[in-house]
Amino acid sequence: MDDGIGDGRSSPRRSWEVLGTGSQLVLEGVELWWVELPFVAPVVTAAGTHRSRPLLMVRLICRHPTDLSVVEGWGECAALADTAYDAEDVAGAWDTLEHMLLPALWELAGAQGRPLPSVQAVQGLAADAPARPLAFAALEMAVGDAHLRASGRSFAALLGVTNMTVEPGAVTGVPNSTDALVAAVASLVGNGYVRVKVKVAPGTEMATMHALTDWAATAVGPVPRFQVDANGAYGPDDIELLAGLDQFGLLCIEQPFDRGDLESHRRLATRMTTPICLDESLDGPVAVADAVTTGACSVVCVKPARLGGIASALEVIEWCTTHDVAWWIGGMFESGFARRINTALAALPGRTLPGDLAVPATYLAGDLVDRPVVRRDEVSGRLGIDVSDVPGMGPAPDLDRLEASMERRITVTAASI
């Protein structure tokens, strides 16, 4: 996918890939946690209803060679409770991490005298689980986090986005009623969100958009831009129905068809002016290039976990920016730890649309880290979230909060190899 990008020697992608090169940080322990965080309200999509968010957390325990201090590295796996949106569910990702990736990390470290491998060295472990990008992304994140903490450097500094504030977008589930939808959107606008993504399912799309259009026509004050997300709920016979959404001036239609049905996405793109955005179909940089160049989409939803980690996400961002392809940062109802990472990525040059970056307190009843710094512009009322500049990928998860929400925890040792 590197065609047209250049060698990337000074790019954020290159800075990430060489992170930890030459480090003597010693790997001493590896833990895998399964936690369940309840949603503030059930999240309803075309594929079902979710009442809690399962999360897998990788914890690396390392020793600094100079002062012998303990350095942690944290990674978060975004796998969901089922396989509606990805081939990996949380149970499968746990198995991949426990039996494949974490033992492979020990083996790689042991071959070097137990130094924690660099981010670039870890990329080779993805071959151990080629169809498990979400699990690998958690491992890569933990390795990068440990190296950043050991050096006292933030992810924002590595990307060159310190002291920046990002405008977030928000998401609403498939509504129980149009009245409930309008009330939810009005609340989000009142809190400063400038873009709202609305989940739709067959039979709800037109009523949903007519209700929002009618509300926007009479609303006092600012109104957001809208986009809709179908999560692959429509079929090829629905192309004409979806083309009718052109009248609403949406920012884009996200993933109308099944993740494997690129042909229907291409056909829809020829029937309407509203941009087609892909999400679930994009499981790596090669898939992104193929979808864009063959006309299946003109907007890319960048989800680091689904793409296979930070290195892959940065490659996609670099490619899209170089080729003038619209991109934005998607969300997977992460904890505040992983959402800080996405917020930093959203500050990179070239982003076209506000990302799914609402603060976790809007959707999670509890979190693993403290709330980010949020700002409201005094004149426009628009919301902004500060990019985290603490050492590491973001604030480390709080162990007490992890314990309170823990379902399962194991230690993966070198003997697991």
Protein backbone atom coordinates (compact mmCIF):
# COMPACT_ATOMS: atom_id res chain seq x y z
CA MET A 1 0.00 0.00 0.00
CA ASP A 2 3.05 2.26 0.08
CA ASP A 3 2.66 3.48 -3.52
CA GLY A 4 2.85 7.26 -3.58
CA ILE A 5 3.60 7.66 0.12
CA GLY A 6 7.39 8.01 0.10
CA ASP A 7 9.85 6.44 2.54
CA GLY A 8 8.12 7.89 5.62
CA ARG A 9 11.41 8.50 7.44
CA SER A 10 10.03 11.52 9.34
CA SER A 11 6.39 10.51 9.42
CA PRO A 12 4.30 9.65 12.51
CA ARG A 13 4.13 6.09 11.16
CA ARG A 14 7.90 5.78 11.06
CA SER A 15 8.21 7.32 14.53
CA TRP A 16 5.81 4.70 15.86
CA GLU A 17 7.45 1.76 14.13
CA VAL A 18 10.94 2.53 15.49
CA LEU A 19 9.66 3.10 19.03
CA GLY A 20 11.67 0.97 21.46
CA THR A 21 14.51 0.26 19.05
CA GLY A 22 17.63 -0.30 21.15
CA SER A 23 15.69 -0.23 24.41
CA GLN A 24 16.88 -2.48 27.24
CA LEU A 25 13.55 -2.42 29.06
CA VAL A 26 13.24 -5.89 30.61
CA LEU A 27 9.98 -7.81 30.34
CA GLU A 28 9.14 -9.40 33.71
CA GLY A 29 5.42 -10.17 33.63
CA VAL A 30 2.35 -10.31 31.40
CA GLU A 31 -1.26 -10.20 32.56
CA LEU A 32 -4.55 -10.49 30.69
CA TRP A 33 -7.70 -8.95 32.20
CA TRP A 34 -11.34 -9.32 31.17
CA VAL A 35 -13.55 -6.53 32.47
CA GLU A 36 -17.20 -5.63 31.90
CA LEU A 37 -18.26 -1.98 31.90
CA PRO A 38 -22.03 -1.31 31.87
CA PHE A 39 -23.46 1.07 29.29
CA VAL A 40 -25.32 4.13 30.53
CA ALA A 41 -28.22 2.96 28.37
CA PRO A 42 -28.54 -0.09 26.10
CA VAL A 43 -26.86 0.46 22.72
CA VAL A 44 -29.23 -0.62 19.97
CA THR A 45 -27.91 -1.35 16.48
CA ALA A 46 -29.36 -3.16 13.50
CA ALA A 47 -27.66 -6.34 14.72
CA GLY A 48 -28.90 -6.30 18.31
CA THR A 49 -28.81 -4.67 21.73
CA HIS A 50 -25.74 -4.35 23.95
CA ARG A 51 -26.04 -3.61 27.67
CA SER A 52 -22.39 -3.77 28.69
CA ARG A 53 -18.99 -3.43 27.10
CA PRO A 54 -16.57 -6.33 27.58
CA LEU A 55 -12.93 -5.27 27.32
CA LEU A 56 -9.69 -7.22 27.37
CA MET A 57 -6.73 -5.39 28.85
CA VAL A 58 -3.12 -6.49 28.33
CA ARG A 59 -0.74 -5.45 31.09
CA LEU A 60 3.03 -5.73 30.60
CA ILE A 61 5.23 -5.41 33.68
CA CYS A 62 8.76 -4.34 32.84
CA ARG A 63 11.90 -3.23 34.67
CA HIS A 64 13.89 -0.14 33.71
CA PRO A 65 17.54 -1.17 33.35
CA THR A 66 18.93 2.11 34.71
CA ASP A 67 17.07 2.72 37.98
CA LEU A 68 15.32 -0.70 38.21
CA SER A 69 11.93 1.02 38.47
CA VAL A 70 8.79 -0.82 37.34
CA VAL A 71 7.32 0.29 34.02
CA GLU A 72 3.90 -0.86 32.87
CA GLY A 73 2.54 -1.13 29.37
CA TRP A 74 -1.22 -1.27 28.72
CA GLY A 75 -3.17 -2.39 25.69
CA GLU A 76 -6.92 -2.58 25.11
CA CYS A 77 -8.66 -5.11 22.86
CA ALA A 78 -11.78 -3.77 21.15
CA ALA A 79 -13.43 -7.14 20.43
CA LEU A 80 -17.16 -7.16 21.15
CA ALA A 81 -19.30 -9.80 22.82
CA ASP A 82 -20.26 -11.41 19.50
CA THR A 83 -19.12 -11.62 15.89
CA ALA A 84 -21.78 -9.39 14.39
CA TYR A 85 -19.20 -6.84 13.25
CA ASP A 86 -15.88 -8.70 13.33
CA ALA A 87 -14.68 -12.27 13.00
CA GLU A 88 -13.26 -11.91 16.53
CA ASP A 89 -15.44 -11.85 19.60
CA VAL A 90 -14.12 -11.20 23.09
CA ALA A 91 -13.81 -14.89 23.95
CA GLY A 92 -11.91 -15.63 20.75
CA ALA A 93 -9.60 -12.67 21.27
CA TRP A 94 -8.89 -13.86 24.82
CA ASP A 95 -7.92 -17.29 23.47
CA THR A 96 -5.69 -15.74 20.79
CA LEU A 97 -3.89 -13.55 23.31
CA GLU A 98 -3.54 -16.25 25.97
CA HIS A 99 -2.37 -19.09 23.76
CA MET A 100 -0.71 -17.41 20.79
CA LEU A 101 0.30 -13.75 20.96
CA LEU A 102 1.40 -13.32 24.57
CA PRO A 103 3.48 -16.53 24.59
CA ALA A 104 4.97 -15.37 21.27
CA LEU A 105 5.93 -12.08 22.91
CA TRP A 106 7.71 -13.97 25.70
CA GLU A 107 9.50 -16.09 23.13
CA LEU A 108 10.63 -13.05 21.16
CA ALA A 109 11.82 -11.29 24.31
CA GLY A 110 13.58 -14.43 25.55
CA ALA A 111 15.50 -14.75 22.31
CA GLN A 112 16.99 -11.31 23.02
CA GLY A 113 17.79 -11.88 26.70
CA ARG A 114 14.32 -10.69 27.78
CA PRO A 115 14.36 -7.05 26.57
CA LEU A 116 10.88 -5.93 25.55
CA PRO A 117 10.86 -5.97 21.72
CA SER A 118 10.43 -2.76 19.77
CA VAL A 119 7.14 -1.94 18.08
CA GLN A 120 8.69 -2.83 14.73
CA ALA A 121 9.89 -6.21 16.00
CA VAL A 122 6.44 -7.01 17.35
CA GLN A 123 4.86 -6.52 13.90
CA GLY A 124 6.15 -9.93 12.94
CA LEU A 125 3.94 -11.55 15.57
CA ALA A 126 0.83 -10.55 13.61
CA ALA A 127 1.61 -13.52 11.37
CA ASP A 128 0.89 -15.79 14.35
CA ALA A 129 -2.74 -14.65 14.25
CA PRO A 130 -3.38 -13.39 10.70
CA ALA A 131 -7.18 -13.22 11.09
CA ARG A 132 -7.10 -11.65 14.55
CA PRO A 133 -6.30 -7.93 14.08
CA LEU A 134 -8.15 -6.86 17.26
CA ALA A 135 -6.10 -9.15 19.49
CA PHE A 136 -2.83 -8.13 17.85
CA ALA A 137 -3.72 -4.44 18.13
CA ALA A 138 -3.97 -4.82 21.92
CA LEU A 139 -0.52 -6.40 22.10
CA GLU A 140 1.06 -3.74 19.89
CA MET A 141 -0.56 -1.00 21.97
CA ALA A 142 0.82 -2.44 25.22
CA VAL A 143 4.34 -2.66 23.81
CA GLY A 144 4.24 0.92 22.54
CA ASP A 145 2.77 2.13 25.83
CA ALA A 146 5.59 0.55 27.85
CA HIS A 147 8.31 2.08 25.67
CA LEU A 148 6.67 5.52 25.83
CA ARG A 149 6.30 5.38 29.62
CA ALA A 150 9.91 4.24 30.01
CA SER A 151 11.10 7.29 28.08
CA GLY A 152 8.66 9.71 29.74
CA ARG A 153 7.17 10.53 26.35
CA SER A 154 3.53 10.83 25.30
CA PHE A 155 1.85 9.35 22.25
CA ALA A 156 0.85 12.91 21.33
CA ALA A 157 4.50 13.98 21.33
CA LEU A 158 5.44 11.04 19.13
CA LEU A 159 2.72 12.04 16.63
CA GLY A 160 3.52 15.76 16.87
CA VAL A 161 0.04 16.74 18.11
CA THR A 162 0.73 18.08 21.60
CA ASN A 163 -1.34 21.02 22.90
CA MET A 164 -4.12 20.31 20.44
CA THR A 165 -7.88 20.13 20.93
CA VAL A 166 -10.12 17.94 18.78
CA GLU A 167 -13.80 18.44 17.97
CA PRO A 168 -15.66 15.19 18.67
CA GLY A 169 -18.68 13.66 17.02
CA ALA A 170 -21.32 11.67 18.89
CA VAL A 171 -23.32 8.52 18.12
CA THR A 172 -26.93 7.54 18.82
CA GLY A 173 -28.33 4.02 18.59
CA VAL A 174 -31.35 2.92 16.57
CA PRO A 175 -34.11 4.95 18.25
CA ASN A 176 -37.10 3.52 20.08
CA SER A 177 -39.11 6.41 18.63
CA THR A 178 -38.49 9.54 16.61
CA ASP A 179 -39.36 11.64 19.68
CA ALA A 180 -36.67 9.86 21.69
CA LEU A 181 -34.21 10.36 18.84
CA VAL A 182 -34.88 14.09 18.56
CA ALA A 183 -34.54 14.50 22.32
CA ALA A 184 -31.21 12.65 22.30
CA VAL A 185 -29.86 14.69 19.39
CA ALA A 186 -31.00 17.97 20.95
CA SER A 187 -29.18 17.01 24.16
CA LEU A 188 -25.98 16.23 22.25
CA VAL A 189 -26.16 19.54 20.39
CA GLY A 190 -26.73 21.33 23.69
CA ASN A 191 -23.51 19.76 24.92
CA GLY A 192 -21.56 21.11 21.95
CA TYR A 193 -21.31 18.18 19.54
CA VAL A 194 -21.03 19.37 15.94
CA ARG A 195 -21.64 16.03 14.21
CA VAL A 196 -24.07 13.27 15.15
CA LYS A 197 -24.03 9.79 13.68
CA VAL A 198 -27.36 8.01 13.82
CA LYS A 199 -27.70 4.24 13.63
CA VAL A 200 -30.35 3.06 11.16
CA ALA A 201 -31.93 -0.28 10.30
CA PRO A 202 -34.21 -1.30 7.42
CA GLY A 203 -37.53 0.44 7.88
CA THR A 204 -36.22 3.22 10.13
CA GLU A 205 -34.05 5.27 7.80
CA MET A 206 -36.62 7.58 6.20
CA ALA A 207 -38.62 8.28 9.36
CA THR A 208 -35.35 8.92 11.19
CA MET A 209 -34.08 11.47 8.70
CA HIS A 210 -37.42 13.20 8.19
CA ALA A 211 -37.71 13.64 11.98
CA LEU A 212 -34.21 15.10 12.22
CA THR A 213 -34.77 17.37 9.22
CA ASP A 214 -38.02 18.70 10.68
CA TRP A 215 -36.34 19.30 14.04
CA ALA A 216 -33.36 21.07 12.44
CA ALA A 217 -35.68 23.37 10.49
CA THR A 218 -37.19 24.80 13.66
CA ALA A 219 -34.35 24.38 16.17
CA VAL A 220 -33.11 27.45 17.96
CA GLY A 221 -29.33 27.68 17.83
CA PRO A 222 -26.79 25.48 16.04
CA VAL A 223 -27.69 22.18 14.42
CA PRO A 224 -25.17 19.41 13.77
CA ARG A 225 -24.20 17.72 10.55
CA PHE A 226 -25.58 14.18 10.29
CA GLN A 227 -24.36 10.89 8.98
CA VAL A 228 -26.01 7.48 9.25
CA ASP A 229 -24.51 4.10 10.08
CA ALA A 230 -26.24 0.90 8.96
CA ASN A 231 -23.67 -1.60 10.28
CA GLY A 232 -24.20 -3.73 7.17
CA ALA A 233 -27.93 -4.23 7.76
CA TYR A 234 -29.10 -3.70 4.15
CA GLY A 235 -28.99 -5.98 1.13
CA PRO A 236 -28.48 -5.48 -2.62
CA ASP A 237 -32.24 -5.09 -3.15
CA ASP A 238 -32.19 -1.96 -0.95
CA ILE A 239 -30.04 0.16 -3.25
CA GLU A 240 -32.93 2.29 -4.52
CA LEU A 241 -34.26 2.74 -0.99
CA LEU A 242 -30.87 3.95 0.26
CA ALA A 243 -30.44 6.23 -2.75
CA GLY A 244 -33.48 8.10 -1.44
CA LEU A 245 -31.33 9.35 1.46
CA ASP A 246 -29.59 11.70 -0.97
CA GLN A 247 -32.21 14.34 -0.25
CA PHE A 248 -30.99 14.85 3.31
CA GLY A 249 -27.48 16.13 2.59
CA LEU A 250 -25.74 13.60 4.83
CA LEU A 251 -22.01 13.73 5.41
CA CYS A 252 -21.88 10.07 4.43
CA ILE A 253 -23.63 6.72 4.69
CA GLU A 254 -21.53 4.28 6.68
CA GLN A 255 -21.38 0.55 5.86
CA PRO A 256 -24.84 0.03 4.33
CA PHE A 257 -24.10 -3.53 3.15
CA ASP A 258 -22.35 -6.61 4.50
CA ARG A 259 -18.62 -6.24 5.04
CA GLY A 260 -17.88 -8.70 2.23
CA ASP A 261 -20.26 -7.13 -0.30
CA LEU A 262 -18.10 -4.49 -1.95
CA GLU A 263 -20.03 -4.82 -5.21
CA SER A 264 -23.26 -3.48 -3.69
CA HIS A 265 -21.32 -0.56 -2.22
CA ARG A 266 -19.91 0.20 -5.68
CA ARG A 267 -23.37 0.07 -7.22
CA LEU A 268 -24.83 2.37 -4.56
CA ALA A 269 -21.98 4.83 -5.05
CA THR A 270 -23.02 5.23 -8.70
CA ARG A 271 -26.64 5.91 -7.69
CA MET A 272 -26.17 8.77 -5.24
CA THR A 273 -24.08 11.81 -4.49
CA THR A 274 -23.86 11.14 -0.74
CA PRO A 275 -20.41 9.67 -0.03
CA ILE A 276 -20.19 5.99 0.90
CA CYS A 277 -18.05 5.27 3.94
CA LEU A 278 -16.73 1.82 4.82
CA ASP A 279 -15.96 0.52 8.29
CA GLU A 280 -16.45 -3.20 8.93
CA SER A 281 -15.14 -4.00 5.43
CA LEU A 282 -11.79 -2.41 6.24
CA ASP A 283 -9.64 -4.87 8.19
CA GLY A 284 -6.24 -3.69 7.02
CA PRO A 285 -4.36 -1.25 4.77
CA VAL A 286 -4.68 -3.45 1.68
CA ALA A 287 -8.47 -3.63 2.12
CA VAL A 288 -8.63 0.17 2.35
CA ALA A 289 -6.70 0.70 -0.87
CA ASP A 290 -8.79 -1.90 -2.69
CA ALA A 291 -12.11 -0.45 -1.51
CA VAL A 292 -11.19 3.11 -2.48
CA THR A 293 -9.53 2.39 -5.82
CA THR A 294 -12.37 0.14 -6.99
CA GLY A 295 -15.05 2.68 -6.09
CA ALA A 296 -16.65 0.87 -3.14
CA CYS A 297 -16.17 3.93 -0.93
CA SER A 298 -14.83 7.47 -0.99
CA VAL A 299 -14.65 7.93 2.80
CA VAL A 300 -12.59 5.75 5.16
CA CYS A 301 -13.47 5.11 8.78
CA VAL A 302 -10.14 4.57 10.52
CA LYS A 303 -10.43 2.20 13.49
CA PRO A 304 -6.97 1.24 14.73
CA ALA A 305 -8.15 -2.00 16.35
CA ARG A 306 -10.01 -3.24 13.28
CA LEU A 307 -7.16 -2.29 10.97
CA GLY A 308 -4.70 -4.32 13.05
CA GLY A 309 -3.10 -1.71 15.30
CA ILE A 310 -1.53 1.71 15.39
CA ALA A 311 1.06 1.00 12.69
CA SER A 312 -1.66 -0.05 10.25
CA ALA A 313 -3.86 2.90 11.19
CA LEU A 314 -1.02 5.35 10.60
CA GLU A 315 -0.28 3.71 7.26
CA VAL A 316 -3.93 4.13 6.24
CA ILE A 317 -4.01 7.75 7.42
CA GLU A 318 -0.83 8.48 5.49
CA TRP A 319 -2.15 6.83 2.34
CA CYS A 320 -5.54 8.55 2.52
CA THR A 321 -4.01 11.96 3.14
CA THR A 322 -1.53 11.54 0.29
CA HIS A 323 -4.28 10.44 -2.10
CA ASP A 324 -6.85 13.07 -1.00
CA VAL A 325 -9.20 10.43 0.38
CA ALA A 326 -11.52 11.59 3.15
CA TRP A 327 -10.91 9.85 6.49
CA TRP A 328 -12.04 10.13 10.07
CA ILE A 329 -11.48 8.24 13.33
CA GLY A 330 -14.18 5.75 14.26
CA GLY A 331 -15.00 4.41 17.71
CA MET A 332 -15.82 1.03 19.21
CA PHE A 333 -17.18 2.16 22.57
CA GLU A 334 -13.69 2.07 24.04
CA SER A 335 -12.71 2.83 27.59
CA GLY A 336 -11.22 6.25 28.25
CA PHE A 337 -7.75 4.75 27.85
CA ALA A 338 -8.15 3.69 24.22
CA ARG A 339 -10.33 6.70 23.40
CA ARG A 340 -7.42 8.98 24.37
CA ILE A 341 -5.37 7.20 21.71
CA ASN A 342 -8.04 7.71 19.06
CA THR A 343 -8.31 11.38 20.02
CA ALA A 344 -4.59 11.85 19.43
CA LEU A 345 -4.87 10.17 16.02
CA ALA A 346 -7.79 12.47 15.16
CA ALA A 347 -5.50 15.48 15.66
CA LEU A 348 -3.27 14.44 12.76
CA PRO A 349 -3.37 16.59 9.60
CA GLY A 350 -5.72 15.42 6.85
CA ARG A 351 -8.71 14.34 8.93
CA THR A 352 -11.90 15.34 7.13
CA LEU A 353 -14.77 14.70 9.55
CA PRO A 354 -15.20 14.76 13.33
CA GLY A 355 -14.60 11.30 14.75
CA ASP A 356 -16.59 9.10 17.12
CA LEU A 357 -14.81 10.65 20.09
CA ALA A 358 -17.55 11.44 22.60
CA VAL A 359 -16.22 11.19 26.14
CA PRO A 360 -16.84 7.68 27.58
CA ALA A 361 -19.04 9.12 30.35
CA THR A 362 -21.71 9.63 27.68
CA TYR A 363 -21.97 5.88 27.04
CA LEU A 364 -20.19 4.01 29.89
CA ALA A 365 -21.51 3.98 33.44
CA GLY A 366 -17.95 3.51 34.68
CA ASP A 367 -14.49 3.97 33.21
CA LEU A 368 -10.93 2.82 33.79
CA VAL A 369 -9.39 6.30 33.76
CA ASP A 370 -10.41 9.82 34.72
CA ARG A 371 -12.43 11.99 32.36
CA PRO A 372 -10.42 13.95 29.75
CA VAL A 373 -10.16 17.72 29.70
CA VAL A 374 -13.19 19.04 27.79
CA ARG A 375 -13.59 22.63 26.58
CA ARG A 376 -16.53 24.67 25.25
CA ASP A 377 -15.89 27.62 22.97
CA GLU A 378 -17.42 30.68 24.64
CA VAL A 379 -18.78 32.08 21.39
CA SER A 380 -19.85 29.06 19.33
CA GLY A 381 -20.47 26.63 22.18
CA ARG A 382 -18.64 23.93 20.21
CA LEU A 383 -17.09 21.13 22.21
CA GLY A 384 -13.40 20.29 22.15
CA ILE A 385 -11.38 17.53 23.83
CA ASP A 386 -7.73 18.06 24.72
CA VAL A 387 -5.25 15.54 23.38
CA SER A 388 -3.63 13.75 26.33
CA ASP A 389 0.03 14.58 26.89
CA VAL A 390 0.83 12.29 29.84
CA PRO A 391 3.64 9.75 29.31
CA GLY A 392 2.47 6.66 27.48
CA MET A 393 -0.46 6.16 25.15
CA GLY A 394 -2.65 7.90 27.75
CA PRO A 395 -3.42 7.78 31.47
CA ALA A 396 -2.83 4.26 32.81
CA PRO A 397 -5.95 2.28 33.79
CA ASP A 398 -6.68 2.42 37.50
CA LEU A 399 -6.11 -0.97 39.14
CA ASP A 400 -8.89 -0.50 41.67
CA ARG A 401 -11.39 0.22 38.89
CA LEU A 402 -10.14 -2.79 36.97
CA GLU A 403 -10.59 -5.00 40.03
CA ALA A 404 -14.12 -3.70 40.56
CA SER A 405 -15.21 -4.60 37.03
CA MET A 406 -13.07 -7.72 36.53
CA GLU A 407 -14.58 -10.93 35.22
CA ARG A 408 -11.34 -12.84 34.77
CA ARG A 409 -7.57 -12.37 35.04
CA ILE A 410 -4.61 -14.59 34.26
CA THR A 411 -0.83 -14.31 34.25
CA VAL A 412 0.90 -15.52 31.09
CA THR A 413 4.42 -16.63 31.90
CA ALA A 414 7.46 -17.64 29.89
CA ALA A 415 6.57 -21.23 30.79
CA SER A 416 3.45 -20.85 28.63
CA ILE A 417 5.59 -21.17 25.52
